[in-house]
Amino acid sequence: MNNYDYLEAGRSETAAGKLRLLSRHSCAKIRARVAENAATSEELLSQLTKMNAKTCEFR
């Protein structure tokens, strides 16, 4: 796991585009951190719930 990506995924100042990129990260912990971030949009949260955890692709 990349510590920088993990920290970036949790920062409230992280840009929406960066959160979208991190939401497709191969590491589930980073994707979970994006989901925990208060700055993550409802749209992105909805997409995360539809993502296949193994392939990081939307169902």
Foldseek 3Di string as FASTA:
>chain_A
DDPVLQVLLQDLPRDQVSLLVQCLDLDVSSVVNVLVHPNHDPVSVVQSVQADNHRSDGD
